[in-house]
């Protein structure tokens, strides 16, 4: 059997649509593709998350190389975000490893936290102009030290949320 006949058109169409949405909106492909793999194709949640992570690692590696090559990466911001996210990722994984995450209570709590984070992100994307205008008027200029500190904090929050999602992959739907 040749390669052309082994490709499922529904998988290809799904990948194309998710790629187009990610390209147009900048949202993470995993938040679209993982639920599609689980709900539309019936793939086990752990396998869907693992598949999405491998895909993301490859595409983000190439994206990083291209953007680094054409100098569209602010490496200071990357370092600041990593300063928050790397320690928080390690800390979150250590803390979560102490608990029985297979219990229904833990699954419920973590899924609520992740759902809230996704909801806040969606609202921030939809109503982006209003908060930007508000903060621009009330905090017109941040000093470099304060701007650096305020960049580390979201890195830490994102590191904690992302690591909890990866440790409990069945909660990512």
N, C-alpha and C. Protein backbone atom coordinates (compact mmCIF):
# COMPACT_ATOMS: atom_id res chain seq x y z
N UNK A 1 0.85 -1.18 0.00
CA UNK A 1 0.00 0.00 0.00
C UNK A 1 0.90 1.24 0.00
N UNK A 2 0.60 2.19 -0.88
CA UNK A 2 1.41 3.40 -0.92
C UNK A 2 0.91 4.41 0.11
N UNK A 3 1.71 5.42 0.33
CA UNK A 3 1.44 6.40 1.38
C UNK A 3 0.14 7.15 1.13
N UNK A 4 -0.16 7.50 -0.11
CA UNK A 4 -1.36 8.28 -0.41
C UNK A 4 -2.64 7.55 -0.01
N UNK A 5 -2.66 6.24 -0.13
CA UNK A 5 -3.85 5.47 0.22
C UNK A 5 -3.95 5.19 1.71
N UNK A 6 -2.88 5.40 2.46
CA UNK A 6 -2.91 5.13 3.90
C UNK A 6 -3.30 6.35 4.73
N UNK A 7 -3.44 7.50 4.09
CA UNK A 7 -3.80 8.73 4.81
C UNK A 7 -5.32 8.84 4.90
N UNK A 8 -5.81 8.98 6.12
CA UNK A 8 -7.24 9.16 6.35
C UNK A 8 -7.58 10.62 6.07
N UNK A 9 -8.46 10.90 5.13
CA UNK A 9 -8.78 12.30 4.80
C UNK A 9 -9.33 13.10 5.99
N UNK A 10 -10.05 12.43 6.91
CA UNK A 10 -10.59 13.15 8.07
C UNK A 10 -9.46 13.64 8.98
N UNK A 11 -8.41 12.82 9.17
CA UNK A 11 -7.26 13.25 9.96
C UNK A 11 -6.58 14.45 9.27
N UNK A 12 -6.39 14.34 7.97
CA UNK A 12 -5.72 15.42 7.23
C UNK A 12 -6.54 16.71 7.28
N UNK A 13 -7.86 16.60 7.11
CA UNK A 13 -8.72 17.78 7.16
C UNK A 13 -8.71 18.39 8.56
N UNK A 14 -8.76 17.56 9.59
CA UNK A 14 -8.70 18.06 10.97
C UNK A 14 -7.39 18.80 11.22
N UNK A 15 -6.29 18.21 10.81
CA UNK A 15 -4.98 18.85 10.99
C UNK A 15 -4.90 20.17 10.24
N UNK A 16 -5.44 20.20 9.02
CA UNK A 16 -5.44 21.44 8.24
C UNK A 16 -6.25 22.53 8.94
N UNK A 17 -7.45 22.17 9.41
CA UNK A 17 -8.32 23.16 10.07
C UNK A 17 -7.69 23.68 11.37
N UNK A 18 -7.13 22.77 12.16
CA UNK A 18 -6.48 23.21 13.40
C UNK A 18 -5.28 24.10 13.08
N UNK A 19 -4.49 23.71 12.10
CA UNK A 19 -3.33 24.52 11.70
C UNK A 19 -3.75 25.90 11.22
N UNK A 20 -4.83 25.96 10.46
CA UNK A 20 -5.31 27.26 9.98
C UNK A 20 -5.79 28.13 11.15
N UNK A 21 -6.55 27.53 12.08
CA UNK A 21 -7.02 28.29 13.23
C UNK A 21 -5.86 28.78 14.10
N UNK A 22 -4.87 27.92 14.30
CA UNK A 22 -3.71 28.32 15.10
C UNK A 22 -2.96 29.45 14.40
N UNK A 23 -2.80 29.34 13.09
CA UNK A 23 -2.11 30.39 12.34
C UNK A 23 -2.84 31.72 12.36
N UNK A 24 -4.17 31.67 12.34
CA UNK A 24 -4.96 32.91 12.32
C UNK A 24 -5.11 33.53 13.71
N UNK A 25 -5.18 32.69 14.74
CA UNK A 25 -5.49 33.21 16.07
C UNK A 25 -4.33 33.18 17.04
N UNK A 26 -3.37 32.31 16.83
CA UNK A 26 -2.25 32.19 17.75
C UNK A 26 -2.54 31.34 18.97
N UNK A 27 -3.73 30.74 19.04
CA UNK A 27 -4.02 29.87 20.18
C UNK A 27 -3.25 28.57 20.03
N UNK A 28 -3.09 27.86 21.12
CA UNK A 28 -2.34 26.62 21.10
C UNK A 28 -3.08 25.52 20.37
N UNK A 29 -2.39 24.81 19.50
CA UNK A 29 -3.00 23.72 18.75
C UNK A 29 -3.47 22.58 19.63
N UNK A 30 -2.79 22.36 20.76
CA UNK A 30 -3.18 21.28 21.66
C UNK A 30 -4.56 21.47 22.25
N UNK A 31 -4.94 22.72 22.45
CA UNK A 31 -6.27 22.97 23.01
C UNK A 31 -7.36 22.66 22.00
N UNK A 32 -7.00 22.53 20.73
CA UNK A 32 -7.96 22.14 19.70
C UNK A 32 -7.79 20.68 19.29
N UNK A 33 -6.53 20.28 19.06
CA UNK A 33 -6.29 18.95 18.50
C UNK A 33 -6.52 17.83 19.50
N UNK A 34 -6.13 18.02 20.74
CA UNK A 34 -6.29 16.95 21.72
C UNK A 34 -7.77 16.58 21.90
N UNK A 35 -8.66 17.55 22.12
CA UNK A 35 -10.09 17.17 22.19
C UNK A 35 -10.61 16.53 20.90
N UNK A 36 -10.13 17.00 19.74
CA UNK A 36 -10.54 16.39 18.48
C UNK A 36 -10.12 14.92 18.41
N UNK A 37 -8.88 14.64 18.78
CA UNK A 37 -8.40 13.26 18.75
C UNK A 37 -9.23 12.37 19.67
N UNK A 38 -9.61 12.90 20.82
CA UNK A 38 -10.37 12.10 21.79
C UNK A 38 -11.83 11.97 21.35
N UNK A 39 -12.47 13.09 21.06
CA UNK A 39 -13.91 13.08 20.80
C UNK A 39 -14.28 12.61 19.39
N UNK A 40 -13.53 13.02 18.39
CA UNK A 40 -13.86 12.69 17.01
C UNK A 40 -13.29 11.35 16.58
N UNK A 41 -12.06 11.06 17.02
CA UNK A 41 -11.40 9.86 16.55
C UNK A 41 -11.38 8.73 17.59
N UNK A 42 -11.83 9.00 18.81
CA UNK A 42 -11.90 7.96 19.83
C UNK A 42 -10.56 7.49 20.37
N UNK A 43 -9.54 8.35 20.28
CA UNK A 43 -8.21 7.99 20.78
C UNK A 43 -8.19 8.18 22.29
N UNK A 44 -7.54 7.26 22.99
CA UNK A 44 -7.45 7.33 24.46
C UNK A 44 -6.80 8.66 24.86
N UNK A 45 -7.31 9.31 25.91
CA UNK A 45 -6.78 10.63 26.29
C UNK A 45 -5.27 10.68 26.51
N UNK A 46 -4.70 9.68 27.16
CA UNK A 46 -3.25 9.69 27.40
C UNK A 46 -2.50 9.63 26.07
N UNK A 47 -2.98 8.80 25.14
CA UNK A 47 -2.35 8.71 23.83
C UNK A 47 -2.52 10.01 23.05
N UNK A 48 -3.69 10.63 23.15
CA UNK A 48 -3.92 11.89 22.45
C UNK A 48 -3.00 12.98 22.96
N UNK A 49 -2.84 13.07 24.28
CA UNK A 49 -1.95 14.09 24.85
C UNK A 49 -0.50 13.81 24.46
N UNK A 50 -0.08 12.55 24.54
CA UNK A 50 1.29 12.20 24.14
C UNK A 50 1.56 12.52 22.68
N UNK A 51 0.59 12.21 21.83
CA UNK A 51 0.71 12.51 20.40
C UNK A 51 0.81 14.01 20.18
N UNK A 52 -0.03 14.76 20.87
CA UNK A 52 -0.01 16.21 20.74
C UNK A 52 1.31 16.79 21.24
N UNK A 53 1.83 16.25 22.34
CA UNK A 53 3.10 16.76 22.87
C UNK A 53 4.26 16.51 21.90
N UNK A 54 4.29 15.32 21.30
CA UNK A 54 5.35 15.03 20.33
C UNK A 54 5.24 15.97 19.12
N UNK A 55 4.03 16.14 18.62
CA UNK A 55 3.81 17.05 17.50
C UNK A 55 4.23 18.47 17.86
N UNK A 56 3.83 18.92 19.05
CA UNK A 56 4.17 20.28 19.48
C UNK A 56 5.68 20.46 19.63
N UNK A 57 6.34 19.43 20.15
CA UNK A 57 7.80 19.53 20.32
C UNK A 57 8.49 19.72 18.97
N UNK A 58 8.05 18.98 17.96
CA UNK A 58 8.67 19.08 16.64
C UNK A 58 8.36 20.44 16.01
N UNK A 59 7.08 20.82 15.98
CA UNK A 59 6.73 22.07 15.30
C UNK A 59 7.28 23.29 16.03
N UNK A 60 7.27 23.25 17.36
CA UNK A 60 7.79 24.41 18.10
C UNK A 60 9.30 24.51 17.99
N UNK A 61 9.97 23.37 17.87
CA UNK A 61 11.43 23.41 17.67
C UNK A 61 11.77 24.09 16.35
N UNK A 62 11.06 23.72 15.29
CA UNK A 62 11.32 24.35 13.99
C UNK A 62 10.90 25.83 14.02
N UNK A 63 9.79 26.13 14.68
CA UNK A 63 9.35 27.53 14.79
C UNK A 63 10.37 28.36 15.53
N UNK A 64 10.94 27.80 16.60
CA UNK A 64 11.97 28.51 17.36
C UNK A 64 13.20 28.78 16.51
N UNK A 65 13.62 27.78 15.75
CA UNK A 65 14.79 27.95 14.88
C UNK A 65 14.54 29.05 13.84
N UNK A 66 13.39 29.01 13.20
CA UNK A 66 13.08 30.00 12.16
C UNK A 66 13.00 31.40 12.76
N UNK A 67 12.24 31.53 13.85
CA UNK A 67 12.11 32.87 14.45
C UNK A 67 13.43 33.36 15.04
N UNK A 68 14.23 32.46 15.58
CA UNK A 68 15.56 32.85 16.06
C UNK A 68 16.45 33.32 14.92
N UNK A 69 16.38 32.62 13.80
CA UNK A 69 17.20 32.96 12.63
C UNK A 69 16.83 34.32 12.04
N UNK A 70 15.53 34.64 12.05
CA UNK A 70 15.12 35.93 11.47
C UNK A 70 14.99 37.02 12.54
N UNK A 71 15.50 36.72 13.73
CA UNK A 71 15.59 37.70 14.82
C UNK A 71 14.23 38.27 15.24
N UNK A 72 13.23 37.41 15.35
CA UNK A 72 11.93 37.86 15.82
C UNK A 72 11.62 37.32 17.22
N UNK A 73 12.67 36.96 17.95
CA UNK A 73 12.51 36.48 19.32
C UNK A 73 13.20 37.47 20.25
N UNK A 74 12.50 37.89 21.28
CA UNK A 74 13.09 38.73 22.31
C UNK A 74 13.60 37.78 23.40
N UNK A 75 14.88 37.45 23.34
CA UNK A 75 15.45 36.44 24.23
C UNK A 75 15.43 36.89 25.69
N UNK A 76 15.39 38.20 25.94
CA UNK A 76 15.25 38.66 27.34
C UNK A 76 13.91 38.22 27.91
N UNK A 77 12.86 38.36 27.12
CA UNK A 77 11.53 37.94 27.57
C UNK A 77 11.50 36.43 27.76
N UNK A 78 12.13 35.70 26.85
CA UNK A 78 12.20 34.23 26.98
C UNK A 78 12.87 33.86 28.30
N UNK A 79 14.00 34.51 28.60
CA UNK A 79 14.70 34.22 29.87
C UNK A 79 13.84 34.55 31.07
N UNK A 80 13.13 35.67 31.01
CA UNK A 80 12.27 36.05 32.13
C UNK A 80 11.14 35.05 32.33
N UNK A 81 10.49 34.67 31.24
CA UNK A 81 9.42 33.68 31.35
C UNK A 81 9.95 32.35 31.87
N UNK A 82 11.12 31.94 31.38
CA UNK A 82 11.72 30.69 31.84
C UNK A 82 12.13 30.77 33.31
N UNK A 83 12.53 31.95 33.75
CA UNK A 83 12.89 32.14 35.16
C UNK A 83 11.70 31.83 36.07
N UNK A 84 10.51 32.13 35.60
CA UNK A 84 9.32 31.79 36.38
C UNK A 84 8.81 30.39 36.11
N UNK A 85 8.80 29.98 34.84
CA UNK A 85 8.15 28.72 34.49
C UNK A 85 8.94 27.48 34.86
N UNK A 86 10.25 27.50 34.70
CA UNK A 86 11.03 26.28 34.98
C UNK A 86 10.98 25.90 36.46
N UNK A 87 11.27 26.81 37.39
CA UNK A 87 11.15 26.42 38.80
C UNK A 87 9.73 26.03 39.21
N UNK A 88 8.72 26.74 38.68
CA UNK A 88 7.35 26.41 39.04
C UNK A 88 6.92 25.06 38.45
N UNK A 89 7.43 24.73 37.27
CA UNK A 89 7.15 23.41 36.71
C UNK A 89 7.69 22.32 37.60
N UNK A 90 8.95 22.46 38.01
CA UNK A 90 9.57 21.46 38.88
C UNK A 90 8.82 21.39 40.21
N UNK A 91 8.54 22.53 40.81
CA UNK A 91 7.83 22.56 42.09
C UNK A 91 6.44 21.94 41.98
N UNK A 92 5.71 22.28 40.92
CA UNK A 92 4.37 21.72 40.73
C UNK A 92 4.42 20.21 40.57
N UNK A 93 5.38 19.71 39.78
CA UNK A 93 5.50 18.26 39.60
C UNK A 93 5.86 17.57 40.91
N UNK A 94 6.74 18.19 41.68
CA UNK A 94 7.10 17.60 42.98
C UNK A 94 5.89 17.56 43.92
N UNK A 95 5.15 18.66 43.98
CA UNK A 95 3.98 18.71 44.87
C UNK A 95 2.91 17.71 44.41
N UNK A 96 2.62 17.69 43.12
CA UNK A 96 1.59 16.79 42.62
C UNK A 96 1.97 15.32 42.76
N UNK A 97 3.26 15.03 42.74
CA UNK A 97 3.68 13.63 42.90
C UNK A 97 3.41 13.11 44.31
N UNK A 98 3.17 14.00 45.26
CA UNK A 98 2.88 13.59 46.64
C UNK A 98 1.43 13.18 46.83
N UNK A 99 0.57 13.46 45.87
CA UNK A 99 -0.86 13.21 46.01
C UNK A 99 -1.31 12.06 45.12
N UNK A 100 -2.42 11.45 45.50
CA UNK A 100 -3.05 10.42 44.69
C UNK A 100 -3.92 11.12 43.66
N UNK A 101 -3.37 11.29 42.47
CA UNK A 101 -4.07 12.03 41.44
C UNK A 101 -5.10 11.20 40.70
N UNK A 102 -5.19 9.91 41.06
CA UNK A 102 -6.19 9.07 40.41
C UNK A 102 -7.54 9.17 41.12
N UNK A 103 -7.59 9.85 42.26
CA UNK A 103 -8.85 9.98 42.98
C UNK A 103 -9.78 10.93 42.23
N UNK A 104 -11.06 10.71 42.40
CA UNK A 104 -12.06 11.54 41.73
C UNK A 104 -12.00 12.98 42.23
N UNK A 105 -11.71 13.17 43.52
CA UNK A 105 -11.64 14.52 44.08
C UNK A 105 -10.49 15.31 43.46
N UNK A 106 -9.33 14.68 43.36
CA UNK A 106 -8.17 15.36 42.77
C UNK A 106 -8.42 15.68 41.30
N UNK A 107 -8.99 14.74 40.58
CA UNK A 107 -9.29 14.96 39.17
C UNK A 107 -10.26 16.13 39.00
N UNK A 108 -11.26 16.18 39.86
CA UNK A 108 -12.25 17.26 39.80
C UNK A 108 -11.61 18.61 40.08
N UNK A 109 -10.79 18.67 41.11
CA UNK A 109 -10.13 19.92 41.49
C UNK A 109 -9.21 20.42 40.39
N UNK A 110 -8.39 19.55 39.85
CA UNK A 110 -7.44 19.96 38.81
C UNK A 110 -8.18 20.33 37.53
N UNK A 111 -9.21 19.58 37.17
CA UNK A 111 -9.93 19.92 35.94
C UNK A 111 -10.64 21.27 36.08
N UNK A 112 -11.13 21.59 37.27
CA UNK A 112 -11.73 22.91 37.51
C UNK A 112 -10.69 24.02 37.36
N UNK A 113 -9.52 23.81 37.92
CA UNK A 113 -8.46 24.82 37.83
C UNK A 113 -8.03 25.03 36.39
N UNK A 114 -7.86 23.94 35.65
CA UNK A 114 -7.46 24.07 34.25
C UNK A 114 -8.58 24.69 33.42
N UNK A 115 -9.82 24.32 33.71
CA UNK A 115 -10.95 24.91 33.00
C UNK A 115 -11.04 26.41 33.24
N UNK A 116 -10.82 26.81 34.49
CA UNK A 116 -10.83 28.24 34.82
C UNK A 116 -9.71 28.97 34.07
N UNK A 117 -8.54 28.37 34.01
CA UNK A 117 -7.42 29.00 33.30
C UNK A 117 -7.74 29.15 31.81
N UNK A 118 -8.35 28.13 31.20
CA UNK A 118 -8.72 28.22 29.79
C UNK A 118 -9.80 29.29 29.57
N UNK A 119 -10.74 29.39 30.49
CA UNK A 119 -11.79 30.39 30.38
C UNK A 119 -11.22 31.80 30.49
N UNK A 120 -10.33 32.02 31.44
CA UNK A 120 -9.70 33.33 31.60
C UNK A 120 -8.90 33.68 30.35
N UNK A 121 -8.19 32.70 29.79
CA UNK A 121 -7.41 32.94 28.57
C UNK A 121 -8.33 33.31 27.42
N UNK A 122 -9.43 32.58 27.26
CA UNK A 122 -10.37 32.87 26.17
C UNK A 122 -10.96 34.27 26.33
N UNK A 123 -11.35 34.62 27.54
CA UNK A 123 -11.92 35.96 27.78
C UNK A 123 -10.88 37.05 27.53
N UNK A 124 -9.64 36.79 27.92
CA UNK A 124 -8.58 37.78 27.69
C UNK A 124 -8.34 37.98 26.20
N UNK A 125 -8.45 36.91 25.41
CA UNK A 125 -8.27 37.04 23.96
C UNK A 125 -9.44 37.79 23.32
N UNK A 126 -10.64 37.49 23.79
CA UNK A 126 -11.83 38.12 23.21
C UNK A 126 -11.89 39.61 23.57
N UNK A 127 -11.65 39.94 24.83
CA UNK A 127 -11.78 41.32 25.30
C UNK A 127 -10.41 41.97 25.51
N UNK A 128 -9.47 41.65 24.68
CA UNK A 128 -8.09 42.10 24.84
C UNK A 128 -7.94 43.62 24.87
N UNK A 129 -8.68 44.31 24.04
CA UNK A 129 -8.51 45.76 23.92
C UNK A 129 -8.85 46.50 25.21
N UNK A 130 -9.90 46.09 25.89
CA UNK A 130 -10.32 46.78 27.12
C UNK A 130 -9.28 46.71 28.23
N UNK A 131 -8.78 45.53 28.59
CA UNK A 131 -7.75 45.50 29.64
C UNK A 131 -6.47 46.23 29.23
N UNK A 132 -6.10 46.15 27.94
CA UNK A 132 -4.89 46.86 27.50
C UNK A 132 -5.06 48.36 27.66
N UNK A 133 -6.23 48.87 27.28
CA UNK A 133 -6.48 50.30 27.43
C UNK A 133 -6.50 50.70 28.90
N UNK A 134 -7.15 49.89 29.74
CA UNK A 134 -7.23 50.19 31.17
C UNK A 134 -5.84 50.25 31.80
N UNK A 135 -5.04 49.21 31.56
CA UNK A 135 -3.71 49.18 32.17
C UNK A 135 -2.79 50.24 31.56
N UNK A 136 -3.00 50.54 30.28
CA UNK A 136 -2.21 51.59 29.65
C UNK A 136 -2.48 52.96 30.26
N UNK A 137 -3.73 53.20 30.64
CA UNK A 137 -4.10 54.48 31.26
C UNK A 137 -3.69 54.57 32.73
N UNK A 138 -3.82 53.47 33.46
CA UNK A 138 -3.54 53.49 34.89
C UNK A 138 -2.08 53.21 35.24
N UNK A 139 -1.38 52.54 34.36
CA UNK A 139 0.04 52.24 34.58
C UNK A 139 0.79 52.57 33.30
N UNK A 140 0.95 53.86 33.02
CA UNK A 140 1.49 54.26 31.72
C UNK A 140 2.91 53.78 31.45
N UNK A 141 3.75 53.76 32.45
CA UNK A 141 5.15 53.39 32.20
C UNK A 141 5.67 52.55 33.36
N UNK A 142 6.15 51.39 33.02
CA UNK A 142 6.78 50.53 34.03
C UNK A 142 8.28 50.66 33.91
N UNK A 143 8.94 50.70 35.05
CA UNK A 143 10.39 50.70 35.03
C UNK A 143 10.89 49.33 34.58
N UNK A 144 12.13 49.25 34.13
CA UNK A 144 12.66 47.98 33.61
C UNK A 144 12.66 46.85 34.65
N UNK A 145 12.95 47.18 35.90
CA UNK A 145 12.96 46.12 36.94
C UNK A 145 11.56 45.59 37.21
N UNK A 146 10.59 46.50 37.26
CA UNK A 146 9.21 46.08 37.52
C UNK A 146 8.66 45.30 36.33
N UNK A 147 8.98 45.74 35.13
CA UNK A 147 8.54 45.02 33.92
C UNK A 147 9.13 43.61 33.90
N UNK A 148 10.41 43.50 34.30
CA UNK A 148 11.05 42.17 34.34
C UNK A 148 10.36 41.28 35.37
N UNK A 149 10.08 41.82 36.54
CA UNK A 149 9.42 41.04 37.59
C UNK A 149 8.02 40.63 37.15
N UNK A 150 7.30 41.54 36.51
CA UNK A 150 5.95 41.22 36.06
C UNK A 150 5.93 40.24 34.89
N UNK A 151 7.04 40.03 34.23
CA UNK A 151 7.13 39.02 33.18
C UNK A 151 7.43 37.65 33.77
N UNK A 152 8.15 37.60 34.88
CA UNK A 152 8.48 36.33 35.52
C UNK A 152 7.22 35.67 36.09
N UNK A 153 6.31 36.46 36.64
CA UNK A 153 5.10 35.92 37.28
C UNK A 153 4.22 35.11 36.32
N UNK A 154 3.87 35.63 35.14
CA UNK A 154 3.06 34.80 34.23
C UNK A 154 3.80 33.54 33.80
N UNK A 155 5.12 33.62 33.69
CA UNK A 155 5.90 32.42 33.37
C UNK A 155 5.71 31.35 34.44
N UNK A 156 5.71 31.78 35.70
CA UNK A 156 5.50 30.83 36.79
C UNK A 156 4.10 30.23 36.77
N UNK A 157 3.10 31.06 36.53
CA UNK A 157 1.73 30.57 36.47
C UNK A 157 1.57 29.58 35.32
N UNK A 158 2.10 29.93 34.16
CA UNK A 158 2.00 29.04 33.01
C UNK A 158 2.79 27.75 33.23
N UNK A 159 3.93 27.83 33.88
CA UNK A 159 4.70 26.62 34.19
C UNK A 159 3.93 25.68 35.09
N UNK A 160 3.27 26.23 36.10
CA UNK A 160 2.48 25.40 37.02
C UNK A 160 1.29 24.77 36.31
N UNK A 161 0.58 25.56 35.50
CA UNK A 161 -0.59 25.02 34.80
C UNK A 161 -0.20 23.98 33.75
N UNK A 162 0.84 24.27 32.99
CA UNK A 162 1.24 23.32 31.94
C UNK A 162 1.75 22.02 32.54
N UNK A 163 2.51 22.10 33.62
CA UNK A 163 3.04 20.86 34.21
C UNK A 163 1.94 20.04 34.86
N UNK A 164 0.93 20.68 35.44
CA UNK A 164 -0.17 19.91 36.01
C UNK A 164 -0.98 19.25 34.92
N UNK A 165 -1.09 19.88 33.77
CA UNK A 165 -1.81 19.28 32.64
C UNK A 165 -1.05 18.06 32.12
N UNK A 166 0.27 18.14 32.07
CA UNK A 166 1.03 17.02 31.54
C UNK A 166 1.08 15.84 32.51
N UNK A 167 1.05 16.13 33.81
CA UNK A 167 1.10 15.06 34.81
C UNK A 167 -0.22 14.32 34.88
N UNK A 168 -1.32 15.02 34.61
CA UNK A 168 -2.64 14.40 34.66
C UNK A 168 -3.28 14.61 33.29
N UNK A 169 -2.78 13.91 32.25
CA UNK A 169 -3.22 14.18 30.88
C UNK A 169 -4.69 13.93 30.64
N UNK A 170 -5.32 13.03 31.37
CA UNK A 170 -6.73 12.76 31.10
C UNK A 170 -7.61 13.93 31.48
N UNK A 171 -7.04 14.95 32.12
CA UNK A 171 -7.81 16.13 32.49
C UNK A 171 -7.74 17.23 31.45
N UNK A 172 -7.04 17.00 30.36
CA UNK A 172 -6.84 18.07 29.39
C UNK A 172 -8.02 18.23 28.45
N UNK A 173 -9.03 17.41 28.57
CA UNK A 173 -10.19 17.58 27.70
C UNK A 173 -11.17 18.53 28.30
